[in-house]
Amino acid sequence: SVLIPEGEPPGLLEAAQWPRGKHTVVLVGHQPTLGRVVARLLGMTESECAIKKGALWWLRFRERSGVGQTIVVTVQTPELL
């Protein structure tokens, strides 16, 4: 996958091997792309998620009763880091 500033969420998720990857992956980017990726993972419309500049989001994937779920472990704003 080619990663560009205007990249689409499916391409970024493929590059990160989400959700089948076995290693920790850090994605660094800008709005609106990162917000669109997080919104997709959380089942929101792409315009519903804004990520504050410098924030850190930790997301995890799990399966429960055969259903995949994205879990927000924590969100840290720059003031808290």
PDB file of N, CA and C in Angstrom:
ATOM      1  N   SER A   1       0.827  -1.190   0.000  1.00  0.00           N
ATOM      2  CA  SER A   1       0.000   0.000   0.000  1.00  0.00           C
ATOM      3  C   SER A   1       0.867   1.247   0.000  1.00  0.00           C
ATOM      4  N   VAL A   2       0.402   2.246  -0.682  1.00  0.00           N
ATOM      5  CA  VAL A   2       1.089   3.531  -0.715  1.00  0.00           C
ATOM      6  C   VAL A   2       0.442   4.418   0.336  1.00  0.00           C
ATOM      7  N   LEU A   3       1.257   4.968   1.202  1.00  0.00           N
ATOM      8  CA  LEU A   3       0.752   5.864   2.232  1.00  0.00           C
ATOM      9  C   LEU A   3       1.032   7.297   1.814  1.00  0.00           C
ATOM     10  N   ILE A   4      -0.031   8.062   1.671  1.00  0.00           N
ATOM     11  CA  ILE A   4       0.075   9.458   1.290  1.00  0.00           C
ATOM     12  C   ILE A   4      -0.825  10.266   2.216  1.00  0.00           C
ATOM     13  N   PRO A   5      -0.601  11.565   2.339  1.00  0.00           N
ATOM     14  CA  PRO A   5      -1.428  12.370   3.248  1.00  0.00           C
ATOM     15  C   PRO A   5      -2.919  12.254   2.998  1.00  0.00           C
ATOM     16  N   GLU A   6      -3.322  12.093   1.755  1.00  0.00           N
ATOM     17  CA  GLU A   6      -4.742  11.984   1.442  1.00  0.00           C
ATOM     18  C   GLU A   6      -5.185  10.527   1.358  1.00  0.00           C
ATOM     19  N   GLY A   7      -4.433   9.625   1.988  1.00  0.00           N
ATOM     20  CA  GLY A   7      -4.738   8.203   1.914  1.00  0.00           C
ATOM     21  C   GLY A   7      -6.117   7.866   2.451  1.00  0.00           C
ATOM     22  N   GLU A   8      -6.656   6.785   1.957  1.00  0.00           N
ATOM     23  CA  GLU A   8      -7.970   6.323   2.382  1.00  0.00           C
ATOM     24  C   GLU A   8      -7.830   5.336   3.531  1.00  0.00           C
ATOM     25  N   PRO A   9      -8.797   5.309   4.452  1.00  0.00           N
ATOM     26  CA  PRO A   9      -8.729   4.394   5.592  1.00  0.00           C
ATOM     27  C   PRO A   9      -8.451   2.937   5.230  1.00  0.00           C
ATOM     28  N   PRO A  10      -9.081   2.353   4.199  1.00  0.00           N
ATOM     29  CA  PRO A  10      -8.769   0.951   3.902  1.00  0.00           C
ATOM     30  C   PRO A  10      -7.292   0.705   3.591  1.00  0.00           C
ATOM     31  N   GLY A  11      -6.656   1.625   2.876  1.00  0.00           N
ATOM     32  CA  GLY A  11      -5.236   1.472   2.562  1.00  0.00           C
ATOM     33  C   GLY A  11      -4.356   1.545   3.795  1.00  0.00           C
ATOM     34  N   LEU A  12      -4.675   2.463   4.702  1.00  0.00           N
ATOM     35  CA  LEU A  12      -3.905   2.578   5.943  1.00  0.00           C
ATOM     36  C   LEU A  12      -4.087   1.342   6.814  1.00  0.00           C
ATOM     37  N   LEU A  13      -5.315   0.853   6.904  1.00  0.00           N
ATOM     38  CA  LEU A  13      -5.574  -0.336   7.712  1.00  0.00           C
ATOM     39  C   LEU A  13      -4.893  -1.567   7.119  1.00  0.00           C
ATOM     40  N   GLU A  14      -4.845  -1.646   5.803  1.00  0.00           N
ATOM     41  CA  GLU A  14      -4.145  -2.745   5.152  1.00  0.00           C
ATOM     42  C   GLU A  14      -2.645  -2.671   5.442  1.00  0.00           C
ATOM     43  N   ALA A  15      -2.073  -1.484   5.353  1.00  0.00           N
ATOM     44  CA  ALA A  15      -0.640  -1.317   5.634  1.00  0.00           C
ATOM     45  C   ALA A  15      -0.309  -1.673   7.081  1.00  0.00           C
ATOM     46  N   ALA A  16      -1.233  -1.390   7.991  1.00  0.00           N
ATOM     47  CA  ALA A  16      -1.031  -1.705   9.407  1.00  0.00           C
ATOM     48  C   ALA A  16      -1.384  -3.156   9.728  1.00  0.00           C
ATOM     49  N   GLN A  17      -1.882  -3.883   8.736  1.00  0.00           N
ATOM     50  CA  GLN A  17      -2.328  -5.267   8.879  1.00  0.00           C
ATOM     51  C   GLN A  17      -3.431  -5.405   9.928  1.00  0.00           C
ATOM     52  N   TRP A  18      -4.309  -4.400   9.985  1.00  0.00           N
ATOM     53  CA  TRP A  18      -5.422  -4.413  10.929  1.00  0.00           C
ATOM     54  C   TRP A  18      -6.547  -5.275  10.373  1.00  0.00           C
ATOM     55  N   PRO A  19      -7.129  -6.148  11.120  1.00  0.00           N
ATOM     56  CA  PRO A  19      -6.883  -6.477  12.521  1.00  0.00           C
ATOM     57  C   PRO A  19      -6.035  -7.727  12.713  1.00  0.00           C
ATOM     58  N   ARG A  20      -5.505  -8.304  11.642  1.00  0.00           N
ATOM     59  CA  ARG A  20      -4.826  -9.591  11.753  1.00  0.00           C
ATOM     60  C   ARG A  20      -3.357  -9.498  12.158  1.00  0.00           C
ATOM     61  N   GLY A  21      -2.792  -8.308  12.217  1.00  0.00           N
ATOM     62  CA  GLY A  21      -1.389  -8.150  12.566  1.00  0.00           C
ATOM     63  C   GLY A  21      -1.098  -8.647  13.974  1.00  0.00           C
ATOM     64  N   LYS A  22       0.096  -9.142  14.169  1.00  0.00           N
ATOM     65  CA  LYS A  22       0.482  -9.704  15.474  1.00  0.00           C
ATOM     66  C   LYS A  22       1.436  -8.805  16.255  1.00  0.00           C
ATOM     67  N   HIS A  23       1.733  -7.637  15.711  1.00  0.00           N
ATOM     68  CA  HIS A  23       2.681  -6.736  16.353  1.00  0.00           C
ATOM     69  C   HIS A  23       2.042  -5.373  16.587  1.00  0.00           C
ATOM     70  N   THR A  24       2.616  -4.626  17.487  1.00  0.00           N
ATOM     71  CA  THR A  24       2.169  -3.263  17.733  1.00  0.00           C
ATOM     72  C   THR A  24       2.523  -2.399  16.524  1.00  0.00           C
ATOM     73  N   VAL A  25       1.592  -1.562  16.120  1.00  0.00           N
ATOM     74  CA  VAL A  25       1.800  -0.659  14.988  1.00  0.00           C
ATOM     75  C   VAL A  25       1.462   0.750  15.448  1.00  0.00           C
ATOM     76  N   VAL A  26       2.293   1.704  15.076  1.00  0.00           N
ATOM     77  CA  VAL A  26       2.037   3.106  15.375  1.00  0.00           C
ATOM     78  C   VAL A  26       1.786   3.819  14.054  1.00  0.00           C
ATOM     79  N   LEU A  27       0.619   4.445  13.941  1.00  0.00           N
ATOM     80  CA  LEU A  27       0.311   5.266  12.772  1.00  0.00           C
ATOM     81  C   LEU A  27       0.431   6.722  13.174  1.00  0.00           C
ATOM     82  N   VAL A  28       1.150   7.486  12.396  1.00  0.00           N
ATOM     83  CA  VAL A  28       1.319   8.913  12.642  1.00  0.00           C
ATOM     84  C   VAL A  28       0.759   9.629  11.423  1.00  0.00           C
ATOM     85  N   GLY A  29      -0.067  10.630  11.673  1.00  0.00           N
ATOM     86  CA  GLY A  29      -0.649  11.325  10.542  1.00  0.00           C
ATOM     87  C   GLY A  29      -1.376  12.577  10.962  1.00  0.00           C
ATOM     88  N   HIS A  30      -2.279  13.000  10.130  1.00  0.00           N
ATOM     89  CA  HIS A  30      -2.994  14.261  10.315  1.00  0.00           C
ATOM     90  C   HIS A  30      -4.486  14.051  10.118  1.00  0.00           C
ATOM     91  N   GLN A  31      -5.243  15.079  10.518  1.00  0.00           N
ATOM     92  CA  GLN A  31      -6.665  15.128  10.226  1.00  0.00           C
ATOM     93  C   GLN A  31      -6.811  15.537   8.769  1.00  0.00           C
ATOM     94  N   PRO A  32      -7.812  15.110   8.102  1.00  0.00           N
ATOM     95  CA  PRO A  32      -8.911  14.277   8.584  1.00  0.00           C
ATOM     96  C   PRO A  32      -8.660  12.782   8.474  1.00  0.00           C
ATOM     97  N   THR A  33      -7.503  12.389   7.913  1.00  0.00           N
ATOM     98  CA  THR A  33      -7.265  10.971   7.638  1.00  0.00           C
ATOM     99  C   THR A  33      -7.324  10.106   8.890  1.00  0.00           C
ATOM    100  N   LEU A  34      -6.618  10.494   9.959  1.00  0.00           N
ATOM    101  CA  LEU A  34      -6.629   9.661  11.164  1.00  0.00           C
ATOM    102  C   LEU A  34      -8.015   9.591  11.793  1.00  0.00           C
ATOM    103  N   GLY A  35      -8.730  10.681  11.781  1.00  0.00           N
ATOM    104  CA  GLY A  35     -10.093  10.674  12.305  1.00  0.00           C
ATOM    105  C   GLY A  35     -10.995   9.749  11.509  1.00  0.00           C
ATOM    106  N   ARG A  36     -10.793   9.712  10.199  1.00  0.00           N
ATOM    107  CA  ARG A  36     -11.588   8.822   9.351  1.00  0.00           C
ATOM    108  C   ARG A  36     -11.259   7.363   9.631  1.00  0.00           C
ATOM    109  N   VAL A  37      -9.993   7.061   9.884  1.00  0.00           N
ATOM    110  CA  VAL A  37      -9.590   5.687  10.208  1.00  0.00           C
ATOM    111  C   VAL A  37     -10.226   5.252  11.530  1.00  0.00           C
ATOM    112  N   VAL A  38     -10.102   6.081  12.559  1.00  0.00           N
ATOM    113  CA  VAL A  38     -10.677   5.740  13.869  1.00  0.00           C
ATOM    114  C   VAL A  38     -12.197   5.619  13.775  1.00  0.00           C
ATOM    115  N   ALA A  39     -12.829   6.533  13.059  1.00  0.00           N
ATOM    116  CA  ALA A  39     -14.290   6.468  12.903  1.00  0.00           C
ATOM    117  C   ALA A  39     -14.700   5.155  12.254  1.00  0.00           C
ATOM    118  N   ARG A  40     -13.980   4.730  11.246  1.00  0.00           N
ATOM    119  CA  ARG A  40     -14.291   3.465  10.570  1.00  0.00           C
ATOM    120  C   ARG A  40     -14.164   2.298  11.545  1.00  0.00           C
ATOM    121  N   LEU A  41     -13.096   2.282  12.331  1.00  0.00           N
ATOM    122  CA  LEU A  41     -12.880   1.185  13.270  1.00  0.00           C
ATOM    123  C   LEU A  41     -13.943   1.134  14.362  1.00  0.00           C
ATOM    124  N   LEU A  42     -14.463   2.301  14.734  1.00  0.00           N
ATOM    125  CA  LEU A  42     -15.454   2.361  15.809  1.00  0.00           C
ATOM    126  C   LEU A  42     -16.892   2.342  15.294  1.00  0.00           C
ATOM    127  N   GLY A  43     -17.079   2.181  13.982  1.00  0.00           N
ATOM    128  CA  GLY A  43     -18.417   2.098  13.425  1.00  0.00           C
ATOM    129  C   GLY A  43     -19.158   3.421  13.381  1.00  0.00           C
ATOM    130  N   MET A  44     -18.413   4.516  13.323  1.00  0.00           N
ATOM    131  CA  MET A  44     -19.001   5.854  13.245  1.00  0.00           C
ATOM    132  C   MET A  44     -18.943   6.323  11.794  1.00  0.00           C
ATOM    133  N   THR A  45     -19.707   7.376  11.474  1.00  0.00           N
ATOM    134  CA  THR A  45     -19.528   7.963  10.156  1.00  0.00           C
ATOM    135  C   THR A  45     -18.187   8.699  10.162  1.00  0.00           C
ATOM    136  N   GLU A  46     -17.585   8.790   8.994  1.00  0.00           N
ATOM    137  CA  GLU A  46     -16.226   9.328   8.918  1.00  0.00           C
ATOM    138  C   GLU A  46     -16.094  10.763   9.385  1.00  0.00           C
ATOM    139  N   SER A  47     -17.173  11.525   9.399  1.00  0.00           N
ATOM    140  CA  SER A  47     -17.087  12.923   9.822  1.00  0.00           C
ATOM    141  C   SER A  47     -17.266  13.075  11.331  1.00  0.00           C
ATOM    142  N   GLU A  48     -17.512  11.992  12.057  1.00  0.00           N
ATOM    143  CA  GLU A  48     -17.827  12.084  13.479  1.00  0.00           C
ATOM    144  C   GLU A  48     -16.625  12.069  14.422  1.00  0.00           C
ATOM    145  N   CYS A  49     -15.452  11.793  13.929  1.00  0.00           N
ATOM    146  CA  CYS A  49     -14.316  11.622  14.841  1.00  0.00           C
ATOM    147  C   CYS A  49     -13.194  12.603  14.514  1.00  0.00           C
ATOM    148  N   ALA A  50     -12.940  13.498  15.422  1.00  0.00           N
ATOM    149  CA  ALA A  50     -11.825  14.433  15.274  1.00  0.00           C
ATOM    150  C   ALA A  50     -10.739  14.020  16.262  1.00  0.00           C
ATOM    151  N   ILE A  51      -9.520  14.027  15.800  1.00  0.00           N
ATOM    152  CA  ILE A  51      -8.388  13.688  16.665  1.00  0.00           C
ATOM    153  C   ILE A  51      -7.598  14.956  16.915  1.00  0.00           C
ATOM    154  N   LYS A  52      -7.447  15.296  18.188  1.00  0.00           N
ATOM    155  CA  LYS A  52      -6.737  16.513  18.562  1.00  0.00           C
ATOM    156  C   LYS A  52      -5.255  16.390  18.207  1.00  0.00           C
ATOM    157  N   LYS A  53      -4.689  17.469  17.750  1.00  0.00           N
ATOM    158  CA  LYS A  53      -3.277  17.513  17.377  1.00  0.00           C
ATOM    159  C   LYS A  53      -2.411  17.033  18.543  1.00  0.00           C
ATOM    160  N   GLY A  54      -1.532  16.076  18.258  1.00  0.00           N
ATOM    161  CA  GLY A  54      -0.610  15.567  19.264  1.00  0.00           C
ATOM    162  C   GLY A  54      -1.193  14.503  20.172  1.00  0.00           C
ATOM    163  N   ALA A  55      -2.436  14.093  19.948  1.00  0.00           N
ATOM    164  CA  ALA A  55      -3.075  13.101  20.815  1.00  0.00           C
ATOM    165  C   ALA A  55      -2.586  11.693  20.484  1.00  0.00           C
ATOM    166  N   LEU A  56      -2.704  10.824  21.448  1.00  0.00           N
ATOM    167  CA  LEU A  56      -2.337   9.422  21.301  1.00  0.00           C
ATOM    168  C   LEU A  56      -3.582   8.579  21.549  1.00  0.00           C
ATOM    169  N   TRP A  57      -3.926   7.738  20.598  1.00  0.00           N
ATOM    170  CA  TRP A  57      -5.056   6.816  20.723  1.00  0.00           C
ATOM    171  C   TRP A  57      -4.512   5.401  20.714  1.00  0.00           C
ATOM    172  N   TRP A  58      -4.929   4.586  21.673  1.00  0.00           N
ATOM    173  CA  TRP A  58      -4.531   3.181  21.724  1.00  0.00           C
ATOM    174  C   TRP A  58      -5.786   2.358  21.473  1.00  0.00           C
ATOM    175  N   LEU A  59      -5.788   1.643  20.349  1.00  0.00           N
ATOM    176  CA  LEU A  59      -6.920   0.812  19.967  1.00  0.00           C
ATOM    177  C   LEU A  59      -6.489  -0.647  19.944  1.00  0.00           C
ATOM    178  N   ARG A  60      -7.418  -1.516  20.255  1.00  0.00           N
ATOM    179  CA  ARG A  60      -7.134  -2.948  20.270  1.00  0.00           C
ATOM    180  C   ARG A  60      -8.308  -3.668  19.616  1.00  0.00           C
ATOM    181  N   PHE A  61      -8.014  -4.765  18.914  1.00  0.00           N
ATOM    182  CA  PHE A  61      -9.050  -5.582  18.289  1.00  0.00           C
ATOM    183  C   PHE A  61      -9.212  -6.859  19.096  1.00  0.00           C
ATOM    184  N   ARG A  62     -10.466  -7.287  19.251  1.00  0.00           N
ATOM    185  CA  ARG A  62     -10.725  -8.573  19.916  1.00  0.00           C
ATOM    186  C   ARG A  62     -11.960  -9.199  19.285  1.00  0.00           C
ATOM    187  N   GLU A  63     -12.091 -10.492  19.509  1.00  0.00           N
ATOM    188  CA  GLU A  63     -13.289 -11.202  19.066  1.00  0.00           C
ATOM    189  C   GLU A  63     -14.021 -11.703  20.292  1.00  0.00           C
ATOM    190  N   ARG A  64     -15.318 -11.469  20.306  1.00  0.00           N
ATOM    191  CA  ARG A  64     -16.193 -11.964  21.361  1.00  0.00           C
ATOM    192  C   ARG A  64     -17.351 -12.678  20.703  1.00  0.00           C
ATOM    193  N   SER A  65     -17.541 -13.939  21.036  1.00  0.00           N
ATOM    194  CA  SER A  65     -18.622 -14.740  20.451  1.00  0.00           C
ATOM    195  C   SER A  65     -18.611 -14.673  18.927  1.00  0.00           C
ATOM    196  N   GLY A  66     -17.400 -14.683  18.356  1.00  0.00           N
ATOM    197  CA  GLY A  66     -17.254 -14.661  16.906  1.00  0.00           C
ATOM    198  C   GLY A  66     -17.456 -13.317  16.245  1.00  0.00           C
ATOM    199  N   VAL A  67     -17.627 -12.273  17.036  1.00  0.00           N
ATOM    200  CA  VAL A  67     -17.833 -10.924  16.492  1.00  0.00           C
ATOM    201  C   VAL A  67     -16.599 -10.069  16.795  1.00  0.00           C
ATOM    202  N   GLY A  68     -16.040  -9.445  15.757  1.00  0.00           N
ATOM    203  CA  GLY A  68     -14.888  -8.575  15.942  1.00  0.00           C
ATOM    204  C   GLY A  68     -15.283  -7.246  16.553  1.00  0.00           C
ATOM    205  N   GLN A  69     -14.464  -6.767  17.486  1.00  0.00           N
ATOM    206  CA  GLN A  69     -14.722  -5.489  18.158  1.00  0.00           C
ATOM    207  C   GLN A  69     -13.435  -4.682  18.222  1.00  0.00           C
ATOM    208  N   THR A  70     -13.560  -3.382  18.002  1.00  0.00           N
ATOM    209  CA  THR A  70     -12.441  -2.474  18.234  1.00  0.00           C
ATOM    210  C   THR A  70     -12.659  -1.831  19.592  1.00  0.00           C
ATOM    211  N   ILE A  71     -11.659  -1.920  20.435  1.00  0.00           N
ATOM    212  CA  ILE A  71     -11.730  -1.398  21.796  1.00  0.00           C
ATOM    213  C   ILE A  71     -10.814  -0.180  21.904  1.00  0.00           C
ATOM    214  N   VAL A  72     -11.328   0.906  22.479  1.00  0.00           N
ATOM    215  CA  VAL A  72     -10.497   2.067  22.785  1.00  0.00           C
ATOM    216  C   VAL A  72      -9.908   1.823  24.171  1.00  0.00           C
ATOM    217  N   VAL A  73      -8.609   1.593  24.234  1.00  0.00           N
ATOM    218  CA  VAL A  73      -7.935   1.334  25.509  1.00  0.00           C
ATOM    219  C   VAL A  73      -7.739   2.644  26.258  1.00  0.00           C
ATOM    220  N   THR A  74      -7.227   3.652  25.554  1.00  0.00           N
ATOM    221  CA  THR A  74      -7.045   4.974  26.168  1.00  0.00           C
ATOM    222  C   THR A  74      -6.870   6.021  25.077  1.00  0.00           C
ATOM    223  N   VAL A  75      -7.173   7.243  25.431  1.00  0.00           N
ATOM    224  CA  VAL A  75      -6.902   8.411  24.593  1.00  0.00           C
ATOM    225  C   VAL A  75      -6.199   9.412  25.490  1.00  0.00           C
ATOM    226  N   GLN A  76      -5.038   9.867  25.070  1.00  0.00           N
ATOM    227  CA  GLN A  76      -4.268  10.837  25.845  1.00  0.00           C
ATOM    228  C   GLN A  76      -4.071  12.096  25.028  1.00  0.00           C
ATOM    229  N   THR A  77      -4.444  13.220  25.605  1.00  0.00           N
ATOM    230  CA  THR A  77      -4.204  14.496  24.943  1.00  0.00           C
ATOM    231  C   THR A  77      -2.774  14.935  25.217  1.00  0.00           C
ATOM    232  N   PRO A  78      -2.249  15.857  24.427  1.00  0.00           N
ATOM    233  CA  PRO A  78      -0.871  16.294  24.642  1.00  0.00           C
ATOM    234  C   PRO A  78      -0.614  16.825  26.053  1.00  0.00           C
ATOM    235  N   GLU A  79      -1.636  17.432  26.657  1.00  0.00           N
ATOM    236  CA  GLU A  79      -1.471  17.982  28.013  1.00  0.00           C
ATOM    237  C   GLU A  79      -1.239  16.891  29.048  1.00  0.00           C
ATOM    238  N   LEU A  80      -1.686  15.677  28.758  1.00  0.00           N
ATOM    239  CA  LEU A  80      -1.551  14.580  29.714  1.00  0.00           C
ATOM    240  C   LEU A  80      -0.332  13.697  29.461  1.00  0.00           C
ATOM    241  N   LEU A  81       0.374  13.941  28.376  1.00  0.00           N
ATOM    242  CA  LEU A  81       1.540  13.110  28.056  1.00  0.00           C
ATOM    243  C   LEU A  81       2.787  13.639  28.699  1.00  0.00           C
TER     244      LEU A  81
END
